[in-house]
Amino acid sequence: MAQSTLPENFIEQATPFLQELVNWERELPSLAWGDFVTEAQKGRVTLFSVDMINGFCHEGALASPRVKNIIPAVSAAIKGAFGIGVRNFVLAQDCHLEDAPEFANFPPHCQVGTTEAETIPELLELPAADLYTVIHKNSINAFHNTELGAWLSEHPDLSVAVIVGDCTDLCIHQMALHLKLHANAQNRPLRVIVPENAVQTYDMSVETAQQVGALPHNGDFMHLLFLYHMRLNGVEVVREIK
C-alpha cells in the first residue's frame, strides 16, 4: 500500500493557513441591494435559492438546525432582491427518485411526492413567491439532467447571480462554480455572489459519524473552506447583502 503523501507535521504546518482563513472570513465585506438597481431593472439579476426545502430545514433524516437558522437571511435576501425590481427567482431543489444513487452516500431524503421535497412555507409566504421557477434535481449539481441549462441559455444577458441556501460545500459550491465557469468559458463577465449569512452546511461530529458509520463533517470548517474555494475561483463571497 502506498504511503500518505502528507507530511507528519501536517496539522502544525497547516495552522497558519487555517488562521488566515479565519482572518479572511472575519473581514468579509457587505454589499447593498441598491448597488444592483440598474441591472435589476434591465432583468439581468437573478437570485438562485438552493435546497431550501422541508427535508433540509424542518423534517427528515437530513434536516439540519444550521440550515434552518438561515431561513430568515434567505427570506430577507429574496425580499431585498424583489424590492429593487428583481423578477427572476430560481429555486433548485432536491426531488429524488426512490432508487437515487445518491442514497449510497446519504440517507434517503427529499423523495418525489413527499413533503420533504416541498419548498419551505417561509419562502412561499413572500411577495416574490409567484415568480419562483422551481428546478427539480436528482443530484447535488442542479445543472445535470435538469431544465436549468436551458433556463441559463434563455437568459444570456444575466450579469449578476446571487446564490443562497444549502449546503455550502455541496450544492451551493456546485451551483456557484458552474455559473462562474460557464460564463468564463463564454468570455462573458458574470458576477456570482454568495452572501455568507444566507448559506450554510450540516455538522456531524467524529463521534457521531463513527457511531452511525458515516463520514465526519465539521460544519464550521467545511463552510469556511468551501467559501474560500469559491472565492479562489472568482466567486464574490460577502458577509451579506443589506
C-alpha atoms as a PDB file:
ATOM      1  CA  MET A   1       0.000   0.000   0.000  1.00  0.00           C
ATOM      2  CA  ALA A   2       1.313   3.429  -0.950  1.00  0.00           C
ATOM      3  CA  GLN A   3       2.073   5.698   1.968  1.00  0.00           C
ATOM      4  CA  SER A   4       0.349   9.016   2.595  1.00  0.00           C
ATOM      5  CA  THR A   5       1.982  11.979   0.932  1.00  0.00           C
ATOM      6  CA  LEU A   6       1.008  14.260   3.819  1.00  0.00           C
ATOM      7  CA  PRO A   7       3.937  15.358   5.990  1.00  0.00           C
ATOM      8  CA  GLU A   8       3.912  14.068   9.566  1.00  0.00           C
ATOM      9  CA  ASN A   9       3.594  17.617  10.873  1.00  0.00           C
ATOM     10  CA  PHE A  10       0.710  18.438   8.525  1.00  0.00           C
ATOM     11  CA  ILE A  11      -1.606  19.787  11.228  1.00  0.00           C
ATOM     12  CA  GLU A  12       1.099  22.030  12.646  1.00  0.00           C
ATOM     13  CA  GLN A  13       2.125  23.118   9.152  1.00  0.00           C
ATOM     14  CA  ALA A  14      -1.464  23.943   8.184  1.00  0.00           C
ATOM     15  CA  THR A  15      -2.197  26.061  11.266  1.00  0.00           C
ATOM     16  CA  PRO A  16      -1.007  29.404   9.787  1.00  0.00           C
ATOM     17  CA  PHE A  17      -3.152  28.835   6.709  1.00  0.00           C
ATOM     18  CA  LEU A  18      -6.203  27.974   8.820  1.00  0.00           C
ATOM     19  CA  GLN A  19      -5.678  31.147  10.828  1.00  0.00           C
ATOM     20  CA  GLU A  20      -5.523  33.109   7.586  1.00  0.00           C
ATOM     21  CA  LEU A  21      -8.826  31.547   6.524  1.00  0.00           C
ATOM     22  CA  VAL A  22     -10.395  32.707   9.771  1.00  0.00           C
ATOM     23  CA  ASN A  23      -8.964  36.209   9.295  1.00  0.00           C
ATOM     24  CA  TRP A  24     -10.290  36.294   5.725  1.00  0.00           C
ATOM     25  CA  GLU A  25     -13.784  35.297   6.829  1.00  0.00           C
ATOM     26  CA  ARG A  26     -13.860  37.897   9.584  1.00  0.00           C
ATOM     27  CA  GLU A  27     -13.082  40.647   7.074  1.00  0.00           C
ATOM     28  CA  LEU A  28     -15.750  39.774   4.507  1.00  0.00           C
ATOM     29  CA  PRO A  29     -17.310  42.914   3.019  1.00  0.00           C
ATOM     30  CA  SER A  30     -21.027  43.571   2.714  1.00  0.00           C
ATOM     31  CA  LEU A  31     -22.981  44.799  -0.283  1.00  0.00           C
ATOM     32  CA  ALA A  32     -26.232  46.728  -0.662  1.00  0.00           C
ATOM     33  CA  TRP A  33     -29.185  45.741  -2.820  1.00  0.00           C
ATOM     34  CA  GLY A  34     -29.201  49.318  -4.047  1.00  0.00           C
ATOM     35  CA  ASP A  35     -25.955  48.567  -5.876  1.00  0.00           C
ATOM     36  CA  PHE A  36     -27.903  46.392  -8.327  1.00  0.00           C
ATOM     37  CA  VAL A  37     -30.938  48.553  -9.120  1.00  0.00           C
ATOM     38  CA  THR A  38     -29.903  49.414 -12.674  1.00  0.00           C
ATOM     39  CA  GLU A  39     -29.114  45.811 -13.608  1.00  0.00           C
ATOM     40  CA  ALA A  40     -32.265  44.564 -11.870  1.00  0.00           C
ATOM     41  CA  GLN A  41     -34.458  46.927 -13.855  1.00  0.00           C
ATOM     42  CA  LYS A  42     -32.912  45.540 -17.037  1.00  0.00           C
ATOM     43  CA  GLY A  43     -33.839  41.993 -15.936  1.00  0.00           C
ATOM     44  CA  ARG A  44     -30.187  40.989 -15.609  1.00  0.00           C
ATOM     45  CA  VAL A  45     -30.162  39.979 -11.923  1.00  0.00           C
ATOM     46  CA  THR A  46     -31.269  36.545 -10.690  1.00  0.00           C
ATOM     47  CA  LEU A  47     -31.466  35.155  -7.189  1.00  0.00           C
ATOM     48  CA  PHE A  48     -30.823  31.413  -7.011  1.00  0.00           C
ATOM     49  CA  SER A  49     -32.122  29.602  -3.926  1.00  0.00           C
ATOM     50  CA  VAL A  50     -30.761  26.104  -3.441  1.00  0.00           C
ATOM     51  CA  ASP A  51     -32.462  23.340  -1.444  1.00  0.00           C
ATOM     52  CA  MET A  52     -34.500  25.496   0.887  1.00  0.00           C
ATOM     53  CA  ILE A  53     -36.972  22.664   1.272  1.00  0.00           C
ATOM     54  CA  ASN A  54     -38.547  20.894   4.229  1.00  0.00           C
ATOM     55  CA  GLY A  55     -36.163  17.946   4.056  1.00  0.00           C
ATOM     56  CA  PHE A  56     -33.177  20.136   4.921  1.00  0.00           C
ATOM     57  CA  CYS A  57     -34.921  22.552   7.272  1.00  0.00           C
ATOM     58  CA  HIS A  58     -37.898  21.011   9.052  1.00  0.00           C
ATOM     59  CA  GLU A  59     -38.174  17.222   8.727  1.00  0.00           C
ATOM     60  CA  GLY A  60     -36.412  14.056   7.654  1.00  0.00           C
ATOM     61  CA  ALA A  61     -33.022  12.424   8.057  1.00  0.00           C
ATOM     62  CA  LEU A  62     -31.049  15.384   6.676  1.00  0.00           C
ATOM     63  CA  ALA A  63     -32.892  18.245   8.355  1.00  0.00           C
ATOM     64  CA  SER A  64     -30.263  20.456   9.971  1.00  0.00           C
ATOM     65  CA  PRO A  65     -30.663  23.173  12.606  1.00  0.00           C
ATOM     66  CA  ARG A  66     -27.779  25.020  10.961  1.00  0.00           C
ATOM     67  CA  VAL A  67     -29.711  25.214   7.697  1.00  0.00           C
ATOM     68  CA  LYS A  68     -32.964  26.069   9.456  1.00  0.00           C
ATOM     69  CA  ASN A  69     -31.227  29.013  11.100  1.00  0.00           C
ATOM     70  CA  ILE A  70     -30.535  30.708   7.755  1.00  0.00           C
ATOM     71  CA  ILE A  71     -34.225  30.865   6.795  1.00  0.00           C
ATOM     72  CA  PRO A  72     -34.548  34.496   7.986  1.00  0.00           C
ATOM     73  CA  ALA A  73     -31.456  35.543   5.994  1.00  0.00           C
ATOM     74  CA  VAL A  74     -32.632  33.719   2.861  1.00  0.00           C
ATOM     75  CA  SER A  75     -36.081  35.285   3.196  1.00  0.00           C
ATOM     76  CA  ALA A  76     -34.504  38.713   3.657  1.00  0.00           C
ATOM     77  CA  ALA A  77     -32.376  38.209   0.544  1.00  0.00           C
ATOM     78  CA  ILE A  78     -35.421  37.338  -1.555  1.00  0.00           C
ATOM     79  CA  LYS A  79     -37.339  40.324  -0.187  1.00  0.00           C
ATOM     80  CA  GLY A  80     -34.360  42.607  -0.783  1.00  0.00           C
ATOM     81  CA  ALA A  81     -33.978  41.440  -4.370  1.00  0.00           C
ATOM     82  CA  PHE A  82     -37.709  41.746  -5.030  1.00  0.00           C
ATOM     83  CA  GLY A  83     -37.661  45.241  -3.558  1.00  0.00           C
ATOM     84  CA  ILE A  84     -35.203  46.552  -6.166  1.00  0.00           C
ATOM     85  CA  GLY A  85     -37.099  45.018  -9.051  1.00  0.00           C
ATOM     86  CA  VAL A  86     -35.577  41.552  -9.432  1.00  0.00           C
ATOM     87  CA  ARG A  87     -38.152  39.267 -11.016  1.00  0.00           C
ATOM     88  CA  ASN A  88     -36.017  36.213 -11.751  1.00  0.00           C
ATOM     89  CA  PHE A  89     -36.005  33.751  -8.852  1.00  0.00           C
ATOM     90  CA  VAL A  90     -34.763  30.212  -9.477  1.00  0.00           C
ATOM     91  CA  LEU A  91     -35.296  27.563  -6.794  1.00  0.00           C
ATOM     92  CA  ALA A  92     -33.129  24.494  -7.414  1.00  0.00           C
ATOM     93  CA  GLN A  93     -34.450  21.741  -5.181  1.00  0.00           C
ATOM     94  CA  ASP A  94     -33.800  18.072  -4.467  1.00  0.00           C
ATOM     95  CA  CYS A  95     -36.591  15.822  -5.690  1.00  0.00           C
ATOM     96  CA  HIS A  96     -35.081  12.354  -5.663  1.00  0.00           C
ATOM     97  CA  LEU A  97     -36.290   9.162  -7.236  1.00  0.00           C
ATOM     98  CA  GLU A  98     -36.721   6.212  -4.868  1.00  0.00           C
ATOM     99  CA  ASP A  99     -33.605   4.488  -6.237  1.00  0.00           C
ATOM    100  CA  ALA A 100     -31.415   7.605  -6.397  1.00  0.00           C
ATOM    101  CA  PRO A 101     -27.709   6.614  -6.481  1.00  0.00           C
ATOM    102  CA  GLU A 102     -27.060   9.498  -4.071  1.00  0.00           C
ATOM    103  CA  PHE A 103     -28.660   7.388  -1.329  1.00  0.00           C
ATOM    104  CA  ALA A 104     -25.478   5.313  -1.264  1.00  0.00           C
ATOM    105  CA  ASN A 105     -23.771   8.350   0.280  1.00  0.00           C
ATOM    106  CA  PHE A 106     -26.639   9.995   2.174  1.00  0.00           C
ATOM    107  CA  PRO A 107     -29.770   8.603   3.845  1.00  0.00           C
ATOM    108  CA  PRO A 108     -32.897   8.656   1.657  1.00  0.00           C
ATOM    109  CA  HIS A 109     -34.281  12.182   1.609  1.00  0.00           C
ATOM    110  CA  CYS A 110     -36.487  14.612  -0.285  1.00  0.00           C
ATOM    111  CA  GLN A 111     -38.119  11.982  -2.483  1.00  0.00           C
ATOM    112  CA  VAL A 112     -40.658  12.707  -5.198  1.00  0.00           C
ATOM    113  CA  GLY A 113     -44.152  13.209  -3.807  1.00  0.00           C
ATOM    114  CA  THR A 114     -43.093  13.725  -0.179  1.00  0.00           C
ATOM    115  CA  THR A 115     -43.384  16.854   1.922  1.00  0.00           C
ATOM    116  CA  GLU A 116     -39.609  16.777   2.368  1.00  0.00           C
ATOM    117  CA  ALA A 117     -39.231  17.782  -1.304  1.00  0.00           C
ATOM    118  CA  GLU A 118     -41.523  20.807  -0.954  1.00  0.00           C
ATOM    119  CA  THR A 119     -40.398  24.434  -0.693  1.00  0.00           C
ATOM    120  CA  ILE A 120     -40.371  25.614   2.909  1.00  0.00           C
ATOM    121  CA  PRO A 121     -43.527  27.564   3.792  1.00  0.00           C
ATOM    122  CA  GLU A 122     -41.476  30.590   4.851  1.00  0.00           C
ATOM    123  CA  LEU A 123     -40.496  31.221   1.224  1.00  0.00           C
ATOM    124  CA  LEU A 124     -43.993  30.619  -0.100  1.00  0.00           C
ATOM    125  CA  GLU A 125     -45.278  33.463   2.065  1.00  0.00           C
ATOM    126  CA  LEU A 126     -43.011  36.068   0.425  1.00  0.00           C
ATOM    127  CA  PRO A 127     -44.214  38.620  -2.162  1.00  0.00           C
ATOM    128  CA  ALA A 128     -41.957  37.044  -4.800  1.00  0.00           C
ATOM    129  CA  ALA A 129     -43.499  33.569  -4.457  1.00  0.00           C
ATOM    130  CA  ASP A 130     -45.481  33.814  -7.700  1.00  0.00           C
ATOM    131  CA  LEU A 131     -42.252  34.426  -9.595  1.00  0.00           C
ATOM    132  CA  TYR A 132     -40.364  31.302  -8.498  1.00  0.00           C
ATOM    133  CA  THR A 133     -39.041  28.994 -11.193  1.00  0.00           C
ATOM    134  CA  VAL A 134     -38.610  25.628  -9.462  1.00  0.00           C
ATOM    135  CA  ILE A 135     -35.966  23.298 -10.878  1.00  0.00           C
ATOM    136  CA  HIS A 136     -36.117  19.728  -9.563  1.00  0.00           C
ATOM    137  CA  LYS A 137     -32.802  17.918  -9.344  1.00  0.00           C
ATOM    138  CA  ASN A 138     -31.681  14.369  -8.589  1.00  0.00           C
ATOM    139  CA  SER A 139     -28.063  15.201  -7.710  1.00  0.00           C
ATOM    140  CA  ILE A 140     -26.066  17.863  -5.922  1.00  0.00           C
ATOM    141  CA  ASN A 141     -25.418  19.624  -9.242  1.00  0.00           C
ATOM    142  CA  ALA A 142     -28.551  21.467 -10.323  1.00  0.00           C
ATOM    143  CA  PHE A 143     -27.419  21.593 -13.967  1.00  0.00           C
ATOM    144  CA  HIS A 144     -27.205  17.832 -14.527  1.00  0.00           C
ATOM    145  CA  ASN A 145     -30.249  16.383 -16.299  1.00  0.00           C
ATOM    146  CA  THR A 146     -32.449  19.354 -15.425  1.00  0.00           C
ATOM    147  CA  GLU A 147     -34.004  22.334 -17.208  1.00  0.00           C
ATOM    148  CA  LEU A 148     -31.558  24.771 -15.621  1.00  0.00           C
ATOM    149  CA  GLY A 149     -29.126  24.712 -18.523  1.00  0.00           C
ATOM    150  CA  ALA A 150     -31.937  25.681 -20.882  1.00  0.00           C
ATOM    151  CA  TRP A 151     -33.016  28.425 -18.490  1.00  0.00           C
ATOM    152  CA  LEU A 152     -29.472  29.793 -18.478  1.00  0.00           C
ATOM    153  CA  SER A 153     -29.346  29.775 -22.284  1.00  0.00           C
ATOM    154  CA  GLU A 154     -32.625  31.703 -22.354  1.00  0.00           C
ATOM    155  CA  HIS A 155     -31.083  34.422 -20.142  1.00  0.00           C
ATOM    156  CA  PRO A 156     -27.845  35.333 -21.985  1.00  0.00           C
ATOM    157  CA  ASP A 157     -27.858  38.846 -20.537  1.00  0.00           C
ATOM    158  CA  LEU A 158     -27.564  37.648 -16.939  1.00  0.00           C
ATOM    159  CA  SER A 159     -24.960  39.844 -15.247  1.00  0.00           C
ATOM    160  CA  VAL A 160     -25.494  39.214 -11.520  1.00  0.00           C
ATOM    161  CA  ALA A 161     -26.272  35.869  -9.883  1.00  0.00           C
ATOM    162  CA  VAL A 162     -26.855  35.811  -6.132  1.00  0.00           C
ATOM    163  CA  ILE A 163     -26.872  32.340  -4.549  1.00  0.00           C
ATOM    164  CA  VAL A 164     -28.407  31.438  -1.180  1.00  0.00           C
ATOM    165  CA  GLY A 165     -29.313  28.164   0.554  1.00  0.00           C
ATOM    166  CA  ASP A 166     -27.521  24.920   1.331  1.00  0.00           C
ATOM    167  CA  CYS A 167     -25.180  23.193   1.553  1.00  0.00           C
ATOM    168  CA  THR A 168     -22.149  25.469   1.237  1.00  0.00           C
ATOM    169  CA  ASP A 169     -19.740  22.680   0.305  1.00  0.00           C
ATOM    170  CA  LEU A 170     -22.143  20.681  -1.828  1.00  0.00           C
ATOM    171  CA  CYS A 171     -24.974  22.179  -3.884  1.00  0.00           C
ATOM    172  CA  ILE A 172     -24.033  25.836  -3.318  1.00  0.00           C
ATOM    173  CA  HIS A 173     -20.437  25.176  -4.350  1.00  0.00           C
ATOM    174  CA  GLN A 174     -21.557  23.275  -7.454  1.00  0.00           C
ATOM    175  CA  MET A 175     -24.044  25.979  -8.440  1.00  0.00           C
ATOM    176  CA  ALA A 176     -21.602  28.849  -7.970  1.00  0.00           C
ATOM    177  CA  LEU A 177     -18.752  27.236  -9.870  1.00  0.00           C
ATOM    178  CA  HIS A 178     -20.961  26.113 -12.736  1.00  0.00           C
ATOM    179  CA  LEU A 179     -22.389  29.599 -13.215  1.00  0.00           C
ATOM    180  CA  LYS A 180     -18.995  31.283 -12.966  1.00  0.00           C
ATOM    181  CA  LEU A 181     -17.057  28.834 -15.117  1.00  0.00           C
ATOM    182  CA  HIS A 182     -19.809  28.638 -17.732  1.00  0.00           C
ATOM    183  CA  ALA A 183     -19.609  32.420 -18.099  1.00  0.00           C
ATOM    184  CA  ASN A 184     -15.802  32.334 -18.154  1.00  0.00           C
ATOM    185  CA  ALA A 185     -15.837  29.761 -20.950  1.00  0.00           C
ATOM    186  CA  GLN A 186     -18.005  32.125 -22.996  1.00  0.00           C
ATOM    187  CA  ASN A 187     -15.655  35.004 -22.206  1.00  0.00           C
ATOM    188  CA  ARG A 188     -18.620  36.771 -20.617  1.00  0.00           C
ATOM    189  CA  PRO A 189     -18.458  38.754 -17.365  1.00  0.00           C
ATOM    190  CA  LEU A 190     -20.827  37.488 -14.687  1.00  0.00           C
ATOM    191  CA  ARG A 191     -20.848  38.459 -11.023  1.00  0.00           C
ATOM    192  CA  VAL A 192     -21.616  35.372  -8.970  1.00  0.00           C
ATOM    193  CA  ILE A 193     -22.225  36.447  -5.381  1.00  0.00           C
ATOM    194  CA  VAL A 194     -22.593  34.264  -2.289  1.00  0.00           C
ATOM    195  CA  PRO A 195     -23.666  36.043   0.913  1.00  0.00           C
ATOM    196  CA  GLU A 196     -22.145  34.107   3.820  1.00  0.00           C
ATOM    197  CA  ASN A 197     -25.050  34.785   6.175  1.00  0.00           C
ATOM    198  CA  ALA A 198     -27.512  33.119   3.774  1.00  0.00           C
ATOM    199  CA  VAL A 199     -25.690  29.838   3.101  1.00  0.00           C
ATOM    200  CA  GLN A 200     -24.831  27.007   5.456  1.00  0.00           C
ATOM    201  CA  THR A 201     -23.940  23.327   5.729  1.00  0.00           C
ATOM    202  CA  TYR A 202     -24.594  20.472   8.130  1.00  0.00           C
ATOM    203  CA  ASP A 203     -22.471  19.196  11.005  1.00  0.00           C
ATOM    204  CA  MET A 204     -21.556  15.655  12.046  1.00  0.00           C
ATOM    205  CA  SER A 205     -19.005  15.081  14.780  1.00  0.00           C
ATOM    206  CA  VAL A 206     -16.338  12.385  14.562  1.00  0.00           C
ATOM    207  CA  GLU A 207     -18.006  10.555  17.449  1.00  0.00           C
ATOM    208  CA  THR A 208     -21.438  10.556  15.824  1.00  0.00           C
ATOM    209  CA  ALA A 209     -20.014   9.571  12.460  1.00  0.00           C
ATOM    210  CA  GLN A 210     -18.268   6.581  13.999  1.00  0.00           C
ATOM    211  CA  GLN A 211     -21.482   5.518  15.706  1.00  0.00           C
ATOM    212  CA  VAL A 212     -23.594   5.597  12.538  1.00  0.00           C
ATOM    213  CA  GLY A 213     -20.905   4.507  10.088  1.00  0.00           C
ATOM    214  CA  ALA A 214     -20.754   7.792   8.173  1.00  0.00           C
ATOM    215  CA  LEU A 215     -18.039  10.257   7.272  1.00  0.00           C
ATOM    216  CA  PRO A 216     -17.499  13.059   9.813  1.00  0.00           C
ATOM    217  CA  HIS A 217     -18.284  16.555   8.650  1.00  0.00           C
ATOM    218  CA  ASN A 218     -17.259  19.605  10.645  1.00  0.00           C
ATOM    219  CA  GLY A 219     -19.812  22.173   9.562  1.00  0.00           C
ATOM    220  CA  ASP A 220     -17.810  25.240  10.544  1.00  0.00           C
ATOM    221  CA  PHE A 221     -14.653  24.039   8.797  1.00  0.00           C
ATOM    222  CA  MET A 222     -16.375  22.869   5.607  1.00  0.00           C
ATOM    223  CA  HIS A 223     -18.430  26.063   5.420  1.00  0.00           C
ATOM    224  CA  LEU A 224     -15.289  28.193   5.714  1.00  0.00           C
ATOM    225  CA  LEU A 225     -13.113  26.117   3.393  1.00  0.00           C
ATOM    226  CA  PHE A 226     -15.630  25.998   0.565  1.00  0.00           C
ATOM    227  CA  LEU A 227     -16.462  29.680   0.823  1.00  0.00           C
ATOM    228  CA  TYR A 228     -12.754  30.282   0.347  1.00  0.00           C
ATOM    229  CA  HIS A 229     -12.541  27.811  -2.514  1.00  0.00           C
ATOM    230  CA  MET A 230     -15.381  29.614  -4.292  1.00  0.00           C
ATOM    231  CA  ARG A 231     -13.501  32.877  -3.804  1.00  0.00           C
ATOM    232  CA  LEU A 232     -10.395  31.304  -5.341  1.00  0.00           C
ATOM    233  CA  ASN A 233     -12.493  30.586  -8.418  1.00  0.00           C
ATOM    234  CA  GLY A 234     -13.754  34.131  -8.873  1.00  0.00           C
ATOM    235  CA  VAL A 235     -16.990  33.966  -6.897  1.00  0.00           C
ATOM    236  CA  GLU A 236     -17.660  37.034  -4.741  1.00  0.00           C
ATOM    237  CA  VAL A 237     -18.119  35.933  -1.132  1.00  0.00           C
ATOM    238  CA  VAL A 238     -19.607  38.673   1.036  1.00  0.00           C
ATOM    239  CA  ARG A 239     -20.951  38.876   4.563  1.00  0.00           C
ATOM    240  CA  GLU A 240     -24.456  39.864   3.453  1.00  0.00           C
ATOM    241  CA  ILE A 241     -26.409  41.980   1.029  1.00  0.00           C
ATOM    242  CA  LYS A 242     -28.371  44.558   3.011  1.00  0.00           C
END
